[in-house]
């Protein structure tokens, strides 16, 4: 076996602990998602739809207010954001002179 050959096991052993933590969190999130999905499928569909709508709305409007949306949502949020308040708009209004 040549000295310069690096196996996949050697590469895995050199990964930092932060990577293993992220992998563990991803696996736990996936298992939790499957568990929650199975619970929701046993619920009344109308109630489940309302819960999903409310949670989705809260997350979406939080993205609009704080402008911390994922990159793929930026075009949609940019079109909607002018119609809603943002995190910096109150401080900007307070810093300006009142209109007579």
C-alpha atoms as a PDB file:
ATOM      1  CA  UNK A   1       0.000   0.000   0.000  1.00  0.00           C
ATOM      2  CA  UNK A   2       1.509   3.351  -0.999  1.00  0.00           C
ATOM      3  CA  UNK A   3       2.219   5.946   1.678  1.00  0.00           C
ATOM      4  CA  UNK A   4       0.306   8.741  -0.030  1.00  0.00           C
ATOM      5  CA  UNK A   5      -3.022   6.904  -0.222  1.00  0.00           C
ATOM      6  CA  UNK A   6      -5.695   8.445   2.006  1.00  0.00           C
ATOM      7  CA  UNK A   7      -8.743   6.353   2.701  1.00  0.00           C
ATOM      8  CA  UNK A   8     -12.235   7.572   3.456  1.00  0.00           C
ATOM      9  CA  UNK A   9     -11.830   6.383   7.044  1.00  0.00           C
ATOM     10  CA  UNK A  10      -8.755   8.610   7.428  1.00  0.00           C
ATOM     11  CA  UNK A  11     -10.691  11.611   6.133  1.00  0.00           C
ATOM     12  CA  UNK A  12     -13.620  10.918   8.476  1.00  0.00           C
ATOM     13  CA  UNK A  13     -11.310  10.698  11.479  1.00  0.00           C
ATOM     14  CA  UNK A  14      -9.886  14.157  10.758  1.00  0.00           C
ATOM     15  CA  UNK A  15     -13.276  15.914  10.813  1.00  0.00           C
ATOM     16  CA  UNK A  16     -13.603  18.486  13.607  1.00  0.00           C
ATOM     17  CA  UNK A  17     -16.127  17.898  16.401  1.00  0.00           C
ATOM     18  CA  UNK A  18     -18.319  20.772  15.145  1.00  0.00           C
ATOM     19  CA  UNK A  19     -19.073  18.792  11.984  1.00  0.00           C
ATOM     20  CA  UNK A  20     -20.107  15.748  14.000  1.00  0.00           C
ATOM     21  CA  UNK A  21     -22.349  17.971  16.144  1.00  0.00           C
ATOM     22  CA  UNK A  22     -24.042  19.392  13.044  1.00  0.00           C
ATOM     23  CA  UNK A  23     -24.526  15.881  11.644  1.00  0.00           C
ATOM     24  CA  UNK A  24     -26.064  14.713  14.937  1.00  0.00           C
ATOM     25  CA  UNK A  25     -28.391  17.736  15.026  1.00  0.00           C
ATOM     26  CA  UNK A  26     -29.462  17.096  11.426  1.00  0.00           C
ATOM     27  CA  UNK A  27     -30.239  13.444  12.183  1.00  0.00           C
ATOM     28  CA  UNK A  28     -32.193  14.408  15.323  1.00  0.00           C
ATOM     29  CA  UNK A  29     -34.138  17.058  13.396  1.00  0.00           C
ATOM     30  CA  UNK A  30     -34.974  14.536  10.675  1.00  0.00           C
ATOM     31  CA  UNK A  31     -36.220  11.991  13.240  1.00  0.00           C
ATOM     32  CA  UNK A  32     -38.266  14.684  14.999  1.00  0.00           C
ATOM     33  CA  UNK A  33     -39.775  15.757  11.675  1.00  0.00           C
ATOM     34  CA  UNK A  34     -40.824  12.187  10.877  1.00  0.00           C
ATOM     35  CA  UNK A  35     -42.307  11.798  14.384  1.00  0.00           C
ATOM     36  CA  UNK A  36     -44.253  15.065  14.118  1.00  0.00           C
ATOM     37  CA  UNK A  37     -45.431  14.250  10.587  1.00  0.00           C
ATOM     38  CA  UNK A  38     -46.846  10.921  11.767  1.00  0.00           C
ATOM     39  CA  UNK A  39     -48.630  12.668  14.658  1.00  0.00           C
ATOM     40  CA  UNK A  40     -50.084  15.315  12.348  1.00  0.00           C
ATOM     41  CA  UNK A  41     -51.368  12.667   9.945  1.00  0.00           C
ATOM     42  CA  UNK A  42     -53.437  11.214  12.799  1.00  0.00           C
ATOM     43  CA  UNK A  43     -55.010  14.623  13.550  1.00  0.00           C
ATOM     44  CA  UNK A  44     -58.098  16.190  12.057  1.00  0.00           C
ATOM     45  CA  UNK A  45     -56.954  17.578   8.695  1.00  0.00           C
ATOM     46  CA  UNK A  46     -58.623  20.969   9.165  1.00  0.00           C
ATOM     47  CA  UNK A  47     -56.963  21.553  12.539  1.00  0.00           C
ATOM     48  CA  UNK A  48     -53.623  20.382  11.165  1.00  0.00           C
ATOM     49  CA  UNK A  49     -53.986  22.764   8.208  1.00  0.00           C
ATOM     50  CA  UNK A  50     -54.751  25.689  10.517  1.00  0.00           C
ATOM     51  CA  UNK A  51     -51.736  24.909  12.721  1.00  0.00           C
ATOM     52  CA  UNK A  52     -49.427  24.652   9.693  1.00  0.00           C
ATOM     53  CA  UNK A  53     -50.813  27.916   8.280  1.00  0.00           C
ATOM     54  CA  UNK A  54     -50.362  29.819  11.553  1.00  0.00           C
ATOM     55  CA  UNK A  55     -46.816  28.532  12.126  1.00  0.00           C
ATOM     56  CA  UNK A  56     -45.868  29.249   8.515  1.00  0.00           C
ATOM     57  CA  UNK A  57     -47.312  32.763   8.730  1.00  0.00           C
ATOM     58  CA  UNK A  58     -45.458  33.564  11.951  1.00  0.00           C
ATOM     59  CA  UNK A  59     -42.157  32.344  10.497  1.00  0.00           C
ATOM     60  CA  UNK A  60     -42.687  34.181   7.203  1.00  0.00           C
ATOM     61  CA  UNK A  61     -43.617  37.500   8.807  1.00  0.00           C
ATOM     62  CA  UNK A  62     -40.694  37.152  11.192  1.00  0.00           C
ATOM     63  CA  UNK A  63     -38.469  36.888   8.101  1.00  0.00           C
ATOM     64  CA  UNK A  64     -40.136  39.980   6.622  1.00  0.00           C
ATOM     65  CA  UNK A  65     -39.782  41.998   9.831  1.00  0.00           C
ATOM     66  CA  UNK A  66     -36.189  41.023  10.633  1.00  0.00           C
ATOM     67  CA  UNK A  67     -35.069  40.480   7.003  1.00  0.00           C
ATOM     68  CA  UNK A  68     -33.271  37.257   7.904  1.00  0.00           C
ATOM     69  CA  UNK A  69     -34.962  35.043   5.321  1.00  0.00           C
ATOM     70  CA  UNK A  70     -33.160  32.239   3.472  1.00  0.00           C
ATOM     71  CA  UNK A  71     -31.535  33.276   0.191  1.00  0.00           C
ATOM     72  CA  UNK A  72     -34.123  31.505  -1.976  1.00  0.00           C
ATOM     73  CA  UNK A  73     -36.925  33.534  -0.346  1.00  0.00           C
ATOM     74  CA  UNK A  74     -35.256  36.944  -0.827  1.00  0.00           C
ATOM     75  CA  UNK A  75     -37.035  37.838  -4.118  1.00  0.00           C
ATOM     76  CA  UNK A  76     -40.455  37.192  -2.572  1.00  0.00           C
ATOM     77  CA  UNK A  77     -39.661  38.975   0.694  1.00  0.00           C
ATOM     78  CA  UNK A  78     -38.265  42.011  -1.167  1.00  0.00           C
ATOM     79  CA  UNK A  79     -41.595  42.436  -2.973  1.00  0.00           C
ATOM     80  CA  UNK A  80     -43.683  42.039   0.196  1.00  0.00           C
ATOM     81  CA  UNK A  81     -41.457  43.895   2.712  1.00  0.00           C
ATOM     82  CA  UNK A  82     -42.451  47.481   1.729  1.00  0.00           C
ATOM     83  CA  UNK A  83     -46.044  46.803   2.816  1.00  0.00           C
ATOM     84  CA  UNK A  84     -45.081  45.705   6.355  1.00  0.00           C
ATOM     85  CA  UNK A  85     -43.030  47.287   9.130  1.00  0.00           C
ATOM     86  CA  UNK A  86     -39.385  46.298   9.494  1.00  0.00           C
ATOM     87  CA  UNK A  87     -37.078  46.122  12.496  1.00  0.00           C
ATOM     88  CA  UNK A  88     -35.337  49.428  11.712  1.00  0.00           C
ATOM     89  CA  UNK A  89     -38.348  51.466  10.584  1.00  0.00           C
ATOM     90  CA  UNK A  90     -39.419  52.622  14.063  1.00  0.00           C
ATOM     91  CA  UNK A  91     -35.956  53.975  14.933  1.00  0.00           C
ATOM     92  CA  UNK A  92     -35.789  55.756  11.564  1.00  0.00           C
ATOM     93  CA  UNK A  93     -39.150  57.462  12.134  1.00  0.00           C
ATOM     94  CA  UNK A  94     -38.203  58.495  15.666  1.00  0.00           C
ATOM     95  CA  UNK A  95     -34.962  60.063  14.417  1.00  0.00           C
ATOM     96  CA  UNK A  96     -36.692  62.258  11.822  1.00  0.00           C
ATOM     97  CA  UNK A  97     -38.424  65.584  12.408  1.00  0.00           C
ATOM     98  CA  UNK A  98     -42.220  65.513  12.678  1.00  0.00           C
ATOM     99  CA  UNK A  99     -44.222  66.858   9.773  1.00  0.00           C
ATOM    100  CA  UNK A 100     -46.100  70.118  10.471  1.00  0.00           C
END
